[in-house]
Amino acid sequence: MSTPSRAQCIADARAVLDRARQRIARDRATGQLQPEAELILRRLERAQRTAPTTGRAAA
C-alpha cells in the first residue's frame, strides 16, 4: 500500500470541503439551517471579507 501524494491529499480535502459548502448552501437556501449556525456563518463570512489575504495562495 503506497502513501497518497501531497497533491492527492489536498485534492481530497478540497472535495470534502466543497461538498460541505454545497450542503450548507442548500440548507441555507431552503431555510433548514438552524439560527445559531446561520449566525456563525454570517460572522465567519464578515470576518473573511475584512481579513487581509494570507497564506501560500496570496504569495
Protein backbone atom coordinates (compact mmCIF):
# COMPACT_ATOMS: atom_id res chain seq x y z
CA MET A 1 0.00 0.00 0.00
CA SER A 2 1.50 3.34 -1.03
CA THR A 3 1.12 6.68 0.67
CA PRO A 4 -1.03 9.24 -1.16
CA SER A 5 0.82 12.24 -2.55
CA ARG A 6 0.52 15.67 -1.01
CA ALA A 7 -1.39 16.87 -4.07
CA GLN A 8 -3.85 13.99 -3.77
CA CYS A 9 -4.42 14.72 -0.08
CA ILE A 10 -5.10 18.38 -0.86
CA ALA A 11 -7.48 17.46 -3.69
CA ASP A 12 -9.36 15.05 -1.42
CA ALA A 13 -9.65 17.66 1.35
CA ARG A 14 -10.92 20.27 -1.11
CA ALA A 15 -13.53 17.85 -2.43
CA VAL A 16 -14.79 17.21 1.11
CA LEU A 17 -14.95 20.95 1.83
CA ASP A 18 -16.74 21.63 -1.46
CA ARG A 19 -19.41 19.03 -0.62
CA ALA A 20 -19.86 20.54 2.84
CA ARG A 21 -20.20 24.03 1.38
CA GLN A 22 -22.80 22.77 -1.09
CA ARG A 23 -24.78 21.15 1.74
CA ILE A 24 -24.64 24.34 3.78
CA ALA A 25 -25.71 26.47 0.81
CA ARG A 26 -28.59 24.11 0.04
CA ASP A 27 -29.78 24.07 3.66
CA ARG A 28 -29.43 27.84 3.86
CA ALA A 29 -31.43 28.37 0.66
CA THR A 30 -34.26 26.15 1.87
CA GLY A 31 -34.34 27.70 5.35
CA GLN A 32 -33.28 24.48 7.07
CA LEU A 33 -30.17 25.92 8.72
CA GLN A 34 -30.50 26.42 12.46
CA PRO A 35 -30.46 30.08 13.54
CA GLU A 36 -27.28 29.53 15.59
CA ALA A 37 -25.47 28.07 12.57
CA GLU A 38 -26.69 30.93 10.36
CA LEU A 39 -25.30 33.46 12.85
CA ILE A 40 -21.94 31.67 12.94
CA LEU A 41 -21.78 31.58 9.13
CA ARG A 42 -22.57 35.29 8.88
CA ARG A 43 -19.82 36.12 11.38
CA LEU A 44 -17.30 33.95 9.51
CA GLU A 45 -18.25 35.50 6.18
CA ARG A 46 -17.91 39.00 7.60
CA ALA A 47 -14.50 38.14 9.07
CA GLN A 48 -13.34 36.73 5.72
CA ARG A 49 -14.40 39.88 3.89
CA THR A 50 -12.48 42.15 6.26
CA ALA A 51 -9.41 39.95 6.84
CA PRO A 52 -6.30 40.53 4.75
CA THR A 53 -5.38 37.72 2.37
CA THR A 54 -2.66 35.47 3.78
CA GLY A 55 -1.14 32.11 3.05
CA ARG A 56 0.53 30.44 0.11
CA ALA A 57 -2.14 31.38 -2.39
CA ALA A 58 -1.52 35.07 -1.74
CA ALA A 59 2.24 34.82 -2.23
